Amino acid sequence: WVSVEPSSPFVAKGDASATLAYQLVRIDTGETIFQRTIRTTIK
């Protein structure tokens, strides 16, 4: 988990955003085969 916005509960209209960081790791070797930080927004 990275963040979620807006931080104020008094913002009644606008964009809301969430940011999470992801990593996909091979179980047998521990190698990281995918890594992204994704920030998404919705009205």
PDB file of all heavy atoms in Angstrom:
ATOM      1  N   TRP A   1       0.845  -1.186   0.000  1.00  0.00           N
ATOM      2  CA  TRP A   1       0.000   0.000   0.000  1.00  0.00           C
ATOM      3  C   TRP A   1       0.881   1.237   0.000  1.00  0.00           C
ATOM      4  O   TRP A   1       1.822   1.337   0.779  1.00  0.00           O
ATOM      5  CB  TRP A   1      -0.884  -0.016   1.239  1.00  0.00           C
ATOM      6  CG  TRP A   1      -1.876   1.099   1.333  1.00  0.00           C
ATOM      7  CD1 TRP A   1      -1.698   2.309   1.937  1.00  0.00           C
ATOM      8  CD2 TRP A   1      -3.218   1.088   0.839  1.00  0.00           C
ATOM      9  NE1 TRP A   1      -2.848   3.061   1.839  1.00  0.00           N
ATOM     10  CE2 TRP A   1      -3.796   2.333   1.177  1.00  0.00           C
ATOM     11  CE3 TRP A   1      -3.975   0.152   0.146  1.00  0.00           C
ATOM     12  CZ2 TRP A   1      -5.104   2.650   0.846  1.00  0.00           C
ATOM     13  CZ3 TRP A   1      -5.288   0.477  -0.178  1.00  0.00           C
ATOM     14  CH2 TRP A   1      -5.839   1.708   0.157  1.00  0.00           C
ATOM     15  N   VAL A   2       0.592   2.209  -0.881  1.00  0.00           N
ATOM     16  CA  VAL A   2       1.365   3.446  -0.925  1.00  0.00           C
ATOM     17  C   VAL A   2       0.534   4.613  -0.409  1.00  0.00           C
ATOM     18  O   VAL A   2       0.909   5.292   0.548  1.00  0.00           O
ATOM     19  CB  VAL A   2       1.887   3.735  -2.349  1.00  0.00           C
ATOM     20  CG1 VAL A   2       2.650   5.066  -2.384  1.00  0.00           C
ATOM     21  CG2 VAL A   2       2.789   2.597  -2.828  1.00  0.00           C
ATOM     22  N   SER A   3      -0.633   4.867  -1.024  1.00  0.00           N
ATOM     23  CA  SER A   3      -1.445   5.997  -0.583  1.00  0.00           C
ATOM     24  C   SER A   3      -2.840   5.917  -1.177  1.00  0.00           C
ATOM     25  O   SER A   3      -3.097   5.162  -2.121  1.00  0.00           O
ATOM     26  CB  SER A   3      -0.795   7.333  -0.988  1.00  0.00           C
ATOM     27  OG  SER A   3      -0.794   7.466  -2.405  1.00  0.00           O
ATOM     28  N   VAL A   4      -3.727   6.726  -0.602  1.00  0.00           N
ATOM     29  CA  VAL A   4      -5.068   6.916  -1.149  1.00  0.00           C
ATOM     30  C   VAL A   4      -5.412   8.387  -0.974  1.00  0.00           C
ATOM     31  O   VAL A   4      -5.035   9.013   0.020  1.00  0.00           O
ATOM     32  CB  VAL A   4      -6.099   5.990  -0.461  1.00  0.00           C
ATOM     33  CG1 VAL A   4      -6.272   6.341   1.010  1.00  0.00           C
ATOM     34  CG2 VAL A   4      -7.441   6.046  -1.182  1.00  0.00           C
ATOM     35  N   GLU A   5      -6.093   8.958  -1.946  1.00  0.00           N
ATOM     36  CA  GLU A   5      -6.455  10.377  -1.914  1.00  0.00           C
ATOM     37  C   GLU A   5      -7.907  10.522  -2.369  1.00  0.00           C
ATOM     38  O   GLU A   5      -8.409   9.687  -3.109  1.00  0.00           O
ATOM     39  CB  GLU A   5      -5.542  11.178  -2.849  1.00  0.00           C
ATOM     40  CG  GLU A   5      -4.053  11.094  -2.512  1.00  0.00           C
ATOM     41  CD  GLU A   5      -3.200  11.769  -3.563  1.00  0.00           C
ATOM     42  OE1 GLU A   5      -3.551  12.890  -3.980  1.00  0.00           O
ATOM     43  OE2 GLU A   5      -2.217  11.158  -3.999  1.00  0.00           O
ATOM     44  N   PRO A   6      -8.616  11.580  -1.986  1.00  0.00           N
ATOM     45  CA  PRO A   6      -8.147  12.703  -1.173  1.00  0.00           C
ATOM     46  C   PRO A   6      -8.003  12.315   0.291  1.00  0.00           C
ATOM     47  O   PRO A   6      -8.610  11.351   0.747  1.00  0.00           O
ATOM     48  CB  PRO A   6      -9.251  13.736  -1.355  1.00  0.00           C
ATOM     49  CG  PRO A   6     -10.479  12.921  -1.576  1.00  0.00           C
ATOM     50  CD  PRO A   6     -10.025  11.728  -2.369  1.00  0.00           C
ATOM     51  N   SER A   7      -7.205  13.073   1.001  1.00  0.00           N
ATOM     52  CA  SER A   7      -6.970  12.775   2.403  1.00  0.00           C
ATOM     53  C   SER A   7      -8.055  13.354   3.303  1.00  0.00           C
ATOM     54  O   SER A   7      -8.234  12.905   4.429  1.00  0.00           O
ATOM     55  CB  SER A   7      -5.611  13.334   2.835  1.00  0.00           C
ATOM     56  OG  SER A   7      -5.537  14.724   2.568  1.00  0.00           O
ATOM     57  N   SER A   8      -8.788  14.337   2.806  1.00  0.00           N
ATOM     58  CA  SER A   8      -9.825  14.975   3.618  1.00  0.00           C
ATOM     59  C   SER A   8     -11.182  14.321   3.385  1.00  0.00           C
ATOM     60  O   SER A   8     -11.582  14.085   2.241  1.00  0.00           O
ATOM     61  CB  SER A   8      -9.932  16.466   3.266  1.00  0.00           C
ATOM     62  OG  SER A   8     -11.081  17.032   3.862  1.00  0.00           O
ATOM     63  N   PRO A   9     -11.939  14.024   4.460  1.00  0.00           N
ATOM     64  CA  PRO A   9     -13.282  13.452   4.300  1.00  0.00           C
ATOM     65  C   PRO A   9     -14.312  14.489   3.896  1.00  0.00           C
ATOM     66  O   PRO A   9     -15.480  14.156   3.733  1.00  0.00           O
ATOM     67  CB  PRO A   9     -13.573  12.900   5.700  1.00  0.00           C
ATOM     68  CG  PRO A   9     -12.817  13.795   6.612  1.00  0.00           C
ATOM     69  CD  PRO A   9     -11.549  14.143   5.870  1.00  0.00           C
ATOM     70  N   PHE A  10     -13.917  15.744   3.738  1.00  0.00           N
ATOM     71  CA  PHE A  10     -14.859  16.804   3.421  1.00  0.00           C
ATOM     72  C   PHE A  10     -14.844  17.190   1.949  1.00  0.00           C
ATOM     73  O   PHE A  10     -15.479  18.144   1.537  1.00  0.00           O
ATOM     74  CB  PHE A  10     -14.597  18.030   4.297  1.00  0.00           C
ATOM     75  CG  PHE A  10     -14.671  17.719   5.759  1.00  0.00           C
ATOM     76  CD1 PHE A  10     -13.522  17.614   6.511  1.00  0.00           C
ATOM     77  CD2 PHE A  10     -15.896  17.477   6.362  1.00  0.00           C
ATOM     78  CE1 PHE A  10     -13.589  17.297   7.852  1.00  0.00           C
ATOM     79  CE2 PHE A  10     -15.975  17.154   7.703  1.00  0.00           C
ATOM     80  CZ  PHE A  10     -14.824  17.061   8.456  1.00  0.00           C
ATOM     81  N   VAL A  11     -14.064  16.445   1.155  1.00  0.00           N
ATOM     82  CA  VAL A  11     -14.052  16.665  -0.290  1.00  0.00           C
ATOM     83  C   VAL A  11     -15.166  15.831  -0.887  1.00  0.00           C
ATOM     84  O   VAL A  11     -15.092  14.611  -0.940  1.00  0.00           O
ATOM     85  CB  VAL A  11     -12.695  16.275  -0.903  1.00  0.00           C
ATOM     86  CG1 VAL A  11     -12.722  16.480  -2.419  1.00  0.00           C
ATOM     87  CG2 VAL A  11     -11.577  17.098  -0.280  1.00  0.00           C
ATOM     88  N   ALA A  12     -16.231  16.464  -1.318  1.00  0.00           N
ATOM     89  CA  ALA A  12     -17.417  15.738  -1.741  1.00  0.00           C
ATOM     90  C   ALA A  12     -17.446  15.443  -3.234  1.00  0.00           C
ATOM     91  O   ALA A  12     -18.262  14.667  -3.693  1.00  0.00           O
ATOM     92  CB  ALA A  12     -18.675  16.531  -1.369  1.00  0.00           C
ATOM     93  N   LYS A  13     -16.584  16.088  -3.995  1.00  0.00           N
ATOM     94  CA  LYS A  13     -16.644  15.897  -5.444  1.00  0.00           C
ATOM     95  C   LYS A  13     -15.244  16.033  -6.018  1.00  0.00           C
ATOM     96  O   LYS A  13     -14.446  16.819  -5.546  1.00  0.00           O
ATOM     97  CB  LYS A  13     -17.580  16.927  -6.073  1.00  0.00           C
ATOM     98  CG  LYS A  13     -17.832  16.735  -7.559  1.00  0.00           C
ATOM     99  CD  LYS A  13     -18.826  17.753  -8.068  1.00  0.00           C
ATOM    100  CE  LYS A  13     -20.203  17.540  -7.464  1.00  0.00           C
ATOM    101  NZ  LYS A  13     -21.203  18.454  -8.088  1.00  0.00           N
ATOM    102  N   GLY A  14     -14.954  15.261  -7.064  1.00  0.00           N
ATOM    103  CA  GLY A  14     -13.660  15.351  -7.713  1.00  0.00           C
ATOM    104  C   GLY A  14     -13.085  13.978  -7.969  1.00  0.00           C
ATOM    105  O   GLY A  14     -13.811  12.994  -8.039  1.00  0.00           O
ATOM    106  N   ASP A  15     -11.775  13.898  -8.097  1.00  0.00           N
ATOM    107  CA  ASP A  15     -11.105  12.629  -8.357  1.00  0.00           C
ATOM    108  C   ASP A  15     -10.689  11.970  -7.047  1.00  0.00           C
ATOM    109  O   ASP A  15     -10.320  12.634  -6.089  1.00  0.00           O
ATOM    110  CB  ASP A  15      -9.861  12.848  -9.205  1.00  0.00           C
ATOM    111  CG  ASP A  15     -10.186  13.288 -10.622  1.00  0.00           C
ATOM    112  OD1 ASP A  15     -11.365  13.163 -11.010  1.00  0.00           O
ATOM    113  OD2 ASP A  15      -9.287  13.747 -11.321  1.00  0.00           O
ATOM    114  N   ALA A  16     -10.759  10.649  -7.029  1.00  0.00           N
ATOM    115  CA  ALA A  16     -10.186   9.859  -5.942  1.00  0.00           C
ATOM    116  C   ALA A  16      -9.103   8.986  -6.551  1.00  0.00           C
ATOM    117  O   ALA A  16      -9.263   8.461  -7.656  1.00  0.00           O
ATOM    118  CB  ALA A  16     -11.259   9.005  -5.270  1.00  0.00           C
ATOM    119  N   SER A  17      -7.993   8.825  -5.840  1.00  0.00           N
ATOM    120  CA  SER A  17      -6.855   8.076  -6.372  1.00  0.00           C
ATOM    121  C   SER A  17      -6.348   7.067  -5.350  1.00  0.00           C
ATOM    122  O   SER A  17      -6.453   7.282  -4.143  1.00  0.00           O
ATOM    123  CB  SER A  17      -5.716   9.021  -6.757  1.00  0.00           C
ATOM    124  OG  SER A  17      -6.124   9.933  -7.755  1.00  0.00           O
ATOM    125  N   ALA A  18      -5.798   5.982  -5.861  1.00  0.00           N
ATOM    126  CA  ALA A  18      -5.151   4.974  -5.025  1.00  0.00           C
ATOM    127  C   ALA A  18      -3.853   4.562  -5.687  1.00  0.00           C
ATOM    128  O   ALA A  18      -3.784   4.427  -6.908  1.00  0.00           O
ATOM    129  CB  ALA A  18      -6.056   3.757  -4.842  1.00  0.00           C
ATOM    130  N   THR A  19      -2.812   4.381  -4.878  1.00  0.00           N
ATOM    131  CA  THR A  19      -1.503   3.964  -5.382  1.00  0.00           C
ATOM    132  C   THR A  19      -1.037   2.742  -4.610  1.00  0.00           C
ATOM    133  O   THR A  19      -1.002   2.759  -3.374  1.00  0.00           O
ATOM    134  CB  THR A  19      -0.469   5.087  -5.229  1.00  0.00           C
ATOM    135  OG1 THR A  19      -0.952   6.273  -5.871  1.00  0.00           O
ATOM    136  CG2 THR A  19       0.857   4.685  -5.862  1.00  0.00           C
ATOM    137  N   LEU A  20      -0.695   1.670  -5.340  1.00  0.00           N
ATOM    138  CA  LEU A  20      -0.126   0.468  -4.749  1.00  0.00           C
ATOM    139  C   LEU A  20       1.080   0.038  -5.568  1.00  0.00           C
ATOM    140  O   LEU A  20       1.131   0.281  -6.782  1.00  0.00           O
ATOM    141  CB  LEU A  20      -1.144  -0.678  -4.697  1.00  0.00           C
ATOM    142  CG  LEU A  20      -2.257  -0.549  -3.651  1.00  0.00           C
ATOM    143  CD1 LEU A  20      -3.484   0.107  -4.264  1.00  0.00           C
ATOM    144  CD2 LEU A  20      -2.630  -1.912  -3.094  1.00  0.00           C
ATOM    145  N   ALA A  21       2.039  -0.580  -4.900  1.00  0.00           N
ATOM    146  CA  ALA A  21       3.233  -1.104  -5.566  1.00  0.00           C
ATOM    147  C   ALA A  21       3.149  -2.625  -5.581  1.00  0.00           C
ATOM    148  O   ALA A  21       2.781  -3.247  -4.580  1.00  0.00           O
ATOM    149  CB  ALA A  21       4.488  -0.648  -4.842  1.00  0.00           C
ATOM    150  N   TYR A  22       3.485  -3.232  -6.716  1.00  0.00           N
ATOM    151  CA  TYR A  22       3.340  -4.678  -6.892  1.00  0.00           C
ATOM    152  C   TYR A  22       4.647  -5.295  -7.371  1.00  0.00           C
ATOM    153  O   TYR A  22       5.404  -4.691  -8.122  1.00  0.00           O
ATOM    154  CB  TYR A  22       2.251  -4.984  -7.918  1.00  0.00           C
ATOM    155  CG  TYR A  22       0.878  -4.481  -7.554  1.00  0.00           C
ATOM    156  CD1 TYR A  22       0.388  -3.298  -8.111  1.00  0.00           C
ATOM    157  CD2 TYR A  22       0.063  -5.182  -6.686  1.00  0.00           C
ATOM    158  CE1 TYR A  22      -0.884  -2.832  -7.805  1.00  0.00           C
ATOM    159  CE2 TYR A  22      -1.210  -4.735  -6.372  1.00  0.00           C
ATOM    160  CZ  TYR A  22      -1.677  -3.557  -6.935  1.00  0.00           C
ATOM    161  OH  TYR A  22      -2.933  -3.105  -6.626  1.00  0.00           O
ATOM    162  N   GLN A  23       4.839  -6.534  -6.929  1.00  0.00           N
ATOM    163  CA  GLN A  23       6.013  -7.301  -7.332  1.00  0.00           C
ATOM    164  C   GLN A  23       5.573  -8.747  -7.515  1.00  0.00           C
ATOM    165  O   GLN A  23       4.843  -9.301  -6.687  1.00  0.00           O
ATOM    166  CB  GLN A  23       7.062  -7.214  -6.219  1.00  0.00           C
ATOM    167  CG  GLN A  23       8.432  -7.706  -6.564  1.00  0.00           C
ATOM    168  CD  GLN A  23       9.390  -7.477  -5.395  1.00  0.00           C
ATOM    169  OE1 GLN A  23       8.987  -7.069  -4.308  1.00  0.00           O
ATOM    170  NE2 GLN A  23      10.661  -7.751  -5.614  1.00  0.00           N
ATOM    171  N   LEU A  24       5.978  -9.364  -8.613  1.00  0.00           N
ATOM    172  CA  LEU A  24       5.684 -10.772  -8.862  1.00  0.00           C
ATOM    173  C   LEU A  24       6.996 -11.543  -8.803  1.00  0.00           C
ATOM    174  O   LEU A  24       7.939 -11.226  -9.531  1.00  0.00           O
ATOM    175  CB  LEU A  24       5.011 -10.946 -10.228  1.00  0.00           C
ATOM    176  CG  LEU A  24       4.299 -12.284 -10.463  1.00  0.00           C
ATOM    177  CD1 LEU A  24       3.101 -12.429  -9.543  1.00  0.00           C
ATOM    178  CD2 LEU A  24       3.854 -12.406 -11.924  1.00  0.00           C
ATOM    179  N   VAL A  25       7.042 -12.542  -7.938  1.00  0.00           N
ATOM    180  CA  VAL A  25       8.288 -13.250  -7.642  1.00  0.00           C
ATOM    181  C   VAL A  25       8.126 -14.741  -7.924  1.00  0.00           C
ATOM    182  O   VAL A  25       7.113 -15.349  -7.556  1.00  0.00           O
ATOM    183  CB  VAL A  25       8.675 -13.047  -6.160  1.00  0.00           C
ATOM    184  CG1 VAL A  25       9.929 -13.839  -5.816  1.00  0.00           C
ATOM    185  CG2 VAL A  25       8.874 -11.570  -5.862  1.00  0.00           C
ATOM    186  N   ARG A  26       9.104 -15.322  -8.571  1.00  0.00           N
ATOM    187  CA  ARG A  26       9.107 -16.776  -8.777  1.00  0.00           C
ATOM    188  C   ARG A  26       9.304 -17.482  -7.442  1.00  0.00           C
ATOM    189  O   ARG A  26      10.197 -17.132  -6.664  1.00  0.00           O
ATOM    190  CB  ARG A  26      10.220 -17.176  -9.737  1.00  0.00           C
ATOM    191  CG  ARG A  26       9.915 -16.876 -11.189  1.00  0.00           C
ATOM    192  CD  ARG A  26      10.986 -17.435 -12.114  1.00  0.00           C
ATOM    193  NE  ARG A  26      11.236 -18.872 -11.899  1.00  0.00           N
ATOM    194  CZ  ARG A  26      11.851 -19.661 -12.771  1.00  0.00           C
ATOM    195  NH1 ARG A  26      12.266 -19.148 -13.925  1.00  0.00           N
ATOM    196  NH2 ARG A  26      12.037 -20.928 -12.513  1.00  0.00           N
ATOM    197  N   ILE A  27       8.456 -18.455  -7.166  1.00  0.00           N
ATOM    198  CA  ILE A  27       8.540 -19.161  -5.890  1.00  0.00           C
ATOM    199  C   ILE A  27       9.798 -20.018  -5.805  1.00  0.00           C
ATOM    200  O   ILE A  27      10.432 -20.105  -4.747  1.00  0.00           O
ATOM    201  CB  ILE A  27       7.273 -20.005  -5.668  1.00  0.00           C
ATOM    202  CG1 ILE A  27       6.057 -19.084  -5.488  1.00  0.00           C
ATOM    203  CG2 ILE A  27       7.426 -20.933  -4.464  1.00  0.00           C
ATOM    204  CD1 ILE A  27       4.731 -19.799  -5.382  1.00  0.00           C
ATOM    205  N   ASP A  28      10.203 -20.614  -6.903  1.00  0.00           N
ATOM    206  CA  ASP A  28      11.339 -21.542  -6.851  1.00  0.00           C
ATOM    207  C   ASP A  28      12.693 -20.840  -6.713  1.00  0.00           C
ATOM    208  O   ASP A  28      13.611 -21.351  -6.070  1.00  0.00           O
ATOM    209  CB  ASP A  28      11.336 -22.468  -8.074  1.00  0.00           C
ATOM    210  CG  ASP A  28      11.394 -21.710  -9.389  1.00  0.00           C
ATOM    211  OD1 ASP A  28      11.249 -20.466  -9.380  1.00  0.00           O
ATOM    212  OD2 ASP A  28      11.585 -22.364 -10.442  1.00  0.00           O
ATOM    213  N   THR A  29      12.822 -19.660  -7.292  1.00  0.00           N
ATOM    214  CA  THR A  29      14.119 -18.982  -7.283  1.00  0.00           C
ATOM    215  C   THR A  29      14.135 -17.664  -6.512  1.00  0.00           C
ATOM    216  O   THR A  29      15.213 -17.141  -6.205  1.00  0.00           O
ATOM    217  CB  THR A  29      14.586 -18.688  -8.719  1.00  0.00           C
ATOM    218  OG1 THR A  29      13.687 -17.729  -9.314  1.00  0.00           O
ATOM    219  CG2 THR A  29      14.612 -19.964  -9.557  1.00  0.00           C
ATOM    220  N   GLY A  30      12.965 -17.090  -6.239  1.00  0.00           N
ATOM    221  CA  GLY A  30      12.900 -15.787  -5.590  1.00  0.00           C
ATOM    222  C   GLY A  30      13.149 -14.628  -6.535  1.00  0.00           C
ATOM    223  O   GLY A  30      13.236 -13.472  -6.108  1.00  0.00           O
ATOM    224  N   GLU A  31      13.257 -14.918  -7.820  1.00  0.00           N
ATOM    225  CA  GLU A  31      13.528 -13.876  -8.818  1.00  0.00           C
ATOM    226  C   GLU A  31      12.295 -13.006  -9.033  1.00  0.00           C
ATOM    227  O   GLU A  31      11.175 -13.504  -9.187  1.00  0.00           O
ATOM    228  CB  GLU A  31      13.922 -14.528 -10.138  1.00  0.00           C
ATOM    229  CG  GLU A  31      14.125 -13.552 -11.285  1.00  0.00           C
ATOM    230  CD  GLU A  31      14.261 -14.250 -12.616  1.00  0.00           C
ATOM    231  OE1 GLU A  31      14.166 -15.500 -12.653  1.00  0.00           O
ATOM    232  OE2 GLU A  31      14.450 -13.547 -13.630  1.00  0.00           O
ATOM    233  N   THR A  32      12.503 -11.689  -9.064  1.00  0.00           N
ATOM    234  CA  THR A  32      11.425 -10.757  -9.390  1.00  0.00           C
ATOM    235  C   THR A  32      11.259 -10.704 -10.900  1.00  0.00           C
ATOM    236  O   THR A  32      12.204 -10.376 -11.629  1.00  0.00           O
ATOM    237  CB  THR A  32      11.731  -9.349  -8.850  1.00  0.00           C
ATOM    238  OG1 THR A  32      11.796  -9.396  -7.427  1.00  0.00           O
ATOM    239  CG2 THR A  32      10.645  -8.365  -9.273  1.00  0.00           C
ATOM    240  N   ILE A  33      10.065 -11.040 -11.384  1.00  0.00           N
ATOM    241  CA  ILE A  33       9.827 -11.066 -12.822  1.00  0.00           C
ATOM    242  C   ILE A  33       8.865  -9.967 -13.283  1.00  0.00           C
ATOM    243  O   ILE A  33       8.658  -9.775 -14.482  1.00  0.00           O
ATOM    244  CB  ILE A  33       9.300 -12.440 -13.268  1.00  0.00           C
ATOM    245  CG1 ILE A  33       8.022 -12.808 -12.513  1.00  0.00           C
ATOM    246  CG2 ILE A  33      10.369 -13.512 -13.072  1.00  0.00           C
ATOM    247  CD1 ILE A  33       7.400 -14.120 -12.968  1.00  0.00           C
ATOM    248  N   PHE A  34       8.275  -9.249 -12.322  1.00  0.00           N
ATOM    249  CA  PHE A  34       7.367  -8.151 -12.667  1.00  0.00           C
ATOM    250  C   PHE A  34       7.357  -7.178 -11.502  1.00  0.00           C
ATOM    251  O   PHE A  34       7.310  -7.587 -10.344  1.00  0.00           O
ATOM    252  CB  PHE A  34       5.956  -8.680 -12.920  1.00  0.00           C
ATOM    253  CG  PHE A  34       4.899  -7.606 -13.058  1.00  0.00           C
ATOM    254  CD1 PHE A  34       4.628  -7.045 -14.293  1.00  0.00           C
ATOM    255  CD2 PHE A  34       4.181  -7.178 -11.957  1.00  0.00           C
ATOM    256  CE1 PHE A  34       3.660  -6.053 -14.424  1.00  0.00           C
ATOM    257  CE2 PHE A  34       3.203  -6.196 -12.075  1.00  0.00           C
ATOM    258  CZ  PHE A  34       2.947  -5.638 -13.316  1.00  0.00           C
ATOM    259  N   GLN A  35       7.418  -5.879 -11.826  1.00  0.00           N
ATOM    260  CA  GLN A  35       7.390  -4.876 -10.770  1.00  0.00           C
ATOM    261  C   GLN A  35       6.800  -3.587 -11.321  1.00  0.00           C
ATOM    262  O   GLN A  35       7.239  -3.081 -12.349  1.00  0.00           O
ATOM    263  CB  GLN A  35       8.807  -4.627 -10.242  1.00  0.00           C
ATOM    264  CG  GLN A  35       8.860  -3.824  -8.957  1.00  0.00           C
ATOM    265  CD  GLN A  35      10.223  -3.931  -8.288  1.00  0.00           C
ATOM    266  OE1 GLN A  35      11.057  -4.740  -8.666  1.00  0.00           O
ATOM    267  NE2 GLN A  35      10.452  -3.118  -7.280  1.00  0.00           N
ATOM    268  N   ARG A  36       5.766  -3.090 -10.655  1.00  0.00           N
ATOM    269  CA  ARG A  36       5.125  -1.853 -11.077  1.00  0.00           C
ATOM    270  C   ARG A  36       4.553  -1.130  -9.861  1.00  0.00           C
ATOM    271  O   ARG A  36       4.090  -1.763  -8.918  1.00  0.00           O
ATOM    272  CB  ARG A  36       3.967  -2.118 -12.041  1.00  0.00           C
ATOM    273  CG  ARG A  36       4.338  -2.518 -13.448  1.00  0.00           C
ATOM    274  CD  ARG A  36       4.918  -1.360 -14.251  1.00  0.00           C
ATOM    275  NE  ARG A  36       4.948  -1.655 -15.663  1.00  0.00           N
ATOM    276  CZ  ARG A  36       5.830  -2.454 -16.256  1.00  0.00           C
ATOM    277  NH1 ARG A  36       6.746  -3.050 -15.522  1.00  0.00           N
ATOM    278  NH2 ARG A  36       5.807  -2.656 -17.558  1.00  0.00           N
ATOM    279  N   THR A  37       4.565   0.192  -9.906  1.00  0.00           N
ATOM    280  CA  THR A  37       3.770   1.008  -8.994  1.00  0.00           C
ATOM    281  C   THR A  37       2.639   1.598  -9.823  1.00  0.00           C
ATOM    282  O   THR A  37       2.883   2.222 -10.858  1.00  0.00           O
ATOM    283  CB  THR A  37       4.613   2.125  -8.359  1.00  0.00           C
ATOM    284  OG1 THR A  37       5.635   1.531  -7.541  1.00  0.00           O
ATOM    285  CG2 THR A  37       3.750   3.025  -7.475  1.00  0.00           C
ATOM    286  N   ILE A  38       1.415   1.363  -9.384  1.00  0.00           N
ATOM    287  CA  ILE A  38       0.243   1.749 -10.173  1.00  0.00           C
ATOM    288  C   ILE A  38      -0.575   2.782  -9.401  1.00  0.00           C
ATOM    289  O   ILE A  38      -0.938   2.563  -8.244  1.00  0.00           O
ATOM    290  CB  ILE A  38      -0.633   0.519 -10.499  1.00  0.00           C
ATOM    291  CG1 ILE A  38       0.195  -0.521 -11.252  1.00  0.00           C
ATOM    292  CG2 ILE A  38      -1.858   0.935 -11.313  1.00  0.00           C
ATOM    293  CD1 ILE A  38      -0.568  -1.808 -11.542  1.00  0.00           C
ATOM    294  N   ARG A  39      -0.845   3.900 -10.040  1.00  0.00           N
ATOM    295  CA  ARG A  39      -1.715   4.940  -9.468  1.00  0.00           C
ATOM    296  C   ARG A  39      -2.952   5.050 -10.343  1.00  0.00           C
ATOM    297  O   ARG A  39      -2.854   5.331 -11.533  1.00  0.00           O
ATOM    298  CB  ARG A  39      -0.999   6.282  -9.394  1.00  0.00           C
ATOM    299  CG  ARG A  39      -1.842   7.394  -8.754  1.00  0.00           C
ATOM    300  CD  ARG A  39      -1.078   8.706  -8.696  1.00  0.00           C
ATOM    301  NE  ARG A  39      -1.796   9.735  -7.954  1.00  0.00           N
ATOM    302  CZ  ARG A  39      -2.678  10.571  -8.488  1.00  0.00           C
ATOM    303  NH1 ARG A  39      -2.942  10.504  -9.795  1.00  0.00           N
ATOM    304  NH2 ARG A  39      -3.291  11.484  -7.741  1.00  0.00           N
ATOM    305  N   THR A  40      -4.108   4.805  -9.749  1.00  0.00           N
ATOM    306  CA  THR A  40      -5.356   4.837 -10.499  1.00  0.00           C
ATOM    307  C   THR A  40      -6.274   5.921  -9.948  1.00  0.00           C
ATOM    308  O   THR A  40      -6.258   6.225  -8.758  1.00  0.00           O
ATOM    309  CB  THR A  40      -6.069   3.485 -10.439  1.00  0.00           C
ATOM    310  OG1 THR A  40      -6.101   3.022  -9.090  1.00  0.00           O
ATOM    311  CG2 THR A  40      -5.349   2.459 -11.301  1.00  0.00           C
ATOM    312  N   THR A  41      -7.097   6.478 -10.829  1.00  0.00           N
ATOM    313  CA  THR A  41      -7.976   7.589 -10.478  1.00  0.00           C
ATOM    314  C   THR A  41      -9.375   7.321 -11.006  1.00  0.00           C
ATOM    315  O   THR A  41      -9.552   6.715 -12.068  1.00  0.00           O
ATOM    316  CB  THR A  41      -7.438   8.905 -11.080  1.00  0.00           C
ATOM    317  OG1 THR A  41      -6.110   9.134 -10.596  1.00  0.00           O
ATOM    318  CG2 THR A  41      -8.313  10.085 -10.697  1.00  0.00           C
ATOM    319  N   ILE A  42     -10.369   7.781 -10.234  1.00  0.00           N
ATOM    320  CA  ILE A  42     -11.755   7.618 -10.649  1.00  0.00           C
ATOM    321  C   ILE A  42     -12.522   8.886 -10.308  1.00  0.00           C
ATOM    322  O   ILE A  42     -12.187   9.578  -9.337  1.00  0.00           O
ATOM    323  CB  ILE A  42     -12.398   6.388  -9.955  1.00  0.00           C
ATOM    324  CG1 ILE A  42     -13.733   6.019 -10.592  1.00  0.00           C
ATOM    325  CG2 ILE A  42     -12.557   6.611  -8.459  1.00  0.00           C
ATOM    326  CD1 ILE A  42     -14.284   4.682 -10.105  1.00  0.00           C
ATOM    327  N   LYS A  43     -13.522   9.236 -11.101  1.00  0.00           N
ATOM    328  CA  LYS A  43     -14.382  10.369 -10.808  1.00  0.00           C
ATOM    329  C   LYS A  43     -15.314   9.991  -9.668  1.00  0.00           C
ATOM    330  O   LYS A  43     -15.954   8.944  -9.703  1.00  0.00           O
ATOM    331  CB  LYS A  43     -15.204  10.760 -12.036  1.00  0.00           C
ATOM    332  CG  LYS A  43     -14.385  11.290 -13.204  1.00  0.00           C
ATOM    333  CD  LYS A  43     -13.757  12.636 -12.869  1.00  0.00           C
ATOM    334  CE  LYS A  43     -12.991  13.200 -14.058  1.00  0.00           C
ATOM    335  NZ  LYS A  43     -12.319  14.480 -13.709  1.00  0.00           N
TER     336      LYS A  43
END
